[in-house]
Amino acid sequence: FVLATHGKIGLETLALANLGGTATKSGSGKMAPVDFQRGNIGKVVSYCLGDVMLTKGLFDRILQKGELINPRTGNPVRMPNPLSLLDSGSFLA
């Protein structure tokens, strides 16, 4: 993770730009520890699964189109196929 290249674009913002208007998060990760301590385990699991589903949607878009839309500019940004990174071993380096 490098903040300078991350650009403070959150998962929901990225998902909305690339997956459409229904790609929203169910809450804030800041509440996960509180919900867990209160015994609301199902709520934490649901929140985490929602993030996983959004991430999978973005992953699938990269596999299908080879790009993600930059939500700030609306321009496509070419992305390497993540599976090719696994094959090359550079992902694990």
Protein backbone atom coordinates (compact mmCIF):
# COMPACT_ATOMS: atom_id res chain seq x y z
CA PHE A 1 0.00 0.00 0.00
CA VAL A 2 1.40 3.36 -1.05
CA LEU A 3 -0.73 6.37 -0.12
CA ALA A 4 0.65 8.47 -2.97
CA THR A 5 -0.63 6.00 -5.58
CA HIS A 6 -3.78 5.02 -3.66
CA GLY A 7 -5.10 8.56 -3.94
CA LYS A 8 -7.62 8.12 -1.14
CA ILE A 9 -10.25 6.56 -3.39
CA GLY A 10 -12.41 4.30 -1.26
CA LEU A 11 -13.97 0.98 -2.17
CA GLU A 12 -17.49 2.39 -2.47
CA THR A 13 -16.39 5.27 -4.72
CA LEU A 14 -14.48 2.90 -6.97
CA ALA A 15 -17.35 0.40 -7.06
CA LEU A 16 -19.95 3.05 -7.89
CA ALA A 17 -17.86 4.30 -10.82
CA ASN A 18 -17.30 0.80 -12.18
CA LEU A 19 -20.23 -1.36 -11.12
CA GLY A 20 -23.13 1.07 -11.10
CA GLY A 21 -25.50 2.69 -8.64
CA THR A 22 -26.34 -0.41 -6.62
CA ALA A 23 -22.71 -1.00 -5.63
CA THR A 24 -22.81 0.61 -2.21
CA LYS A 25 -21.32 -0.37 1.11
CA SER A 26 -23.60 -1.44 3.95
CA GLY A 27 -21.83 0.58 6.63
CA SER A 28 -18.51 1.80 7.97
CA GLY A 29 -15.62 -0.40 8.96
CA LYS A 30 -15.16 1.85 11.99
CA MET A 31 -18.22 0.21 13.55
CA ALA A 32 -17.02 -3.38 13.06
CA PRO A 33 -15.06 -3.59 16.35
CA VAL A 34 -17.96 -2.03 18.26
CA ASP A 35 -20.50 -4.37 16.69
CA PHE A 36 -18.24 -7.33 17.40
CA GLN A 37 -17.85 -6.34 21.06
CA ARG A 38 -21.62 -5.93 21.34
CA GLY A 39 -22.08 -9.45 20.01
CA ASN A 40 -23.48 -8.37 16.65
CA ILE A 41 -21.33 -10.92 14.84
CA GLY A 42 -23.82 -11.36 12.01
CA LYS A 43 -23.67 -7.64 11.27
CA VAL A 44 -19.87 -7.74 11.08
CA VAL A 45 -19.92 -10.80 8.83
CA SER A 46 -22.53 -9.18 6.57
CA TYR A 47 -20.49 -5.99 6.33
CA CYS A 48 -17.31 -7.91 5.46
CA LEU A 49 -19.10 -10.08 2.89
CA GLY A 50 -20.47 -6.93 1.26
CA ASP A 51 -16.93 -5.60 0.88
CA VAL A 52 -15.81 -8.94 -0.55
CA MET A 53 -18.63 -8.85 -3.11
CA LEU A 54 -17.72 -5.31 -4.20
CA THR A 55 -14.05 -6.29 -4.47
CA LYS A 56 -14.98 -9.38 -6.51
CA GLY A 57 -17.05 -7.22 -8.84
CA LEU A 58 -14.04 -4.95 -9.44
CA PHE A 59 -11.80 -7.99 -9.90
CA ASP A 60 -14.22 -9.44 -12.47
CA ARG A 61 -14.32 -6.14 -14.35
CA ILE A 62 -10.52 -6.15 -14.58
CA LEU A 63 -10.62 -9.72 -15.92
CA GLN A 64 -13.35 -8.88 -18.46
CA LYS A 65 -12.33 -5.40 -19.61
CA GLY A 66 -8.72 -5.02 -18.48
CA GLU A 67 -9.49 -1.68 -16.88
CA LEU A 68 -11.21 0.24 -14.13
CA ILE A 69 -12.76 3.67 -14.43
CA ASN A 70 -11.05 6.38 -12.39
CA PRO A 71 -13.94 7.92 -10.44
CA ARG A 72 -12.23 11.32 -10.34
CA THR A 73 -11.73 11.67 -14.09
CA GLY A 74 -14.15 9.17 -15.60
CA ASN A 75 -11.26 7.86 -17.71
CA PRO A 76 -10.40 4.18 -17.98
CA VAL A 77 -7.18 3.02 -16.32
CA ARG A 78 -5.61 -0.10 -17.83
CA MET A 79 -4.94 -2.84 -15.30
CA PRO A 80 -2.78 -5.93 -15.63
CA ASN A 81 -4.61 -9.22 -15.49
CA PRO A 82 -4.30 -10.20 -11.80
CA LEU A 83 -4.07 -13.87 -12.70
CA SER A 84 -0.98 -13.24 -14.82
CA LEU A 85 0.67 -11.69 -11.78
CA LEU A 86 0.15 -14.94 -9.89
CA ASP A 87 1.64 -16.95 -12.75
CA SER A 88 4.72 -14.76 -12.92
CA GLY A 89 5.33 -14.92 -9.17
CA SER A 90 5.67 -11.12 -9.00
CA PHE A 91 2.47 -10.84 -6.97
CA LEU A 92 4.05 -12.75 -4.10
CA ALA A 93 7.41 -10.97 -4.22
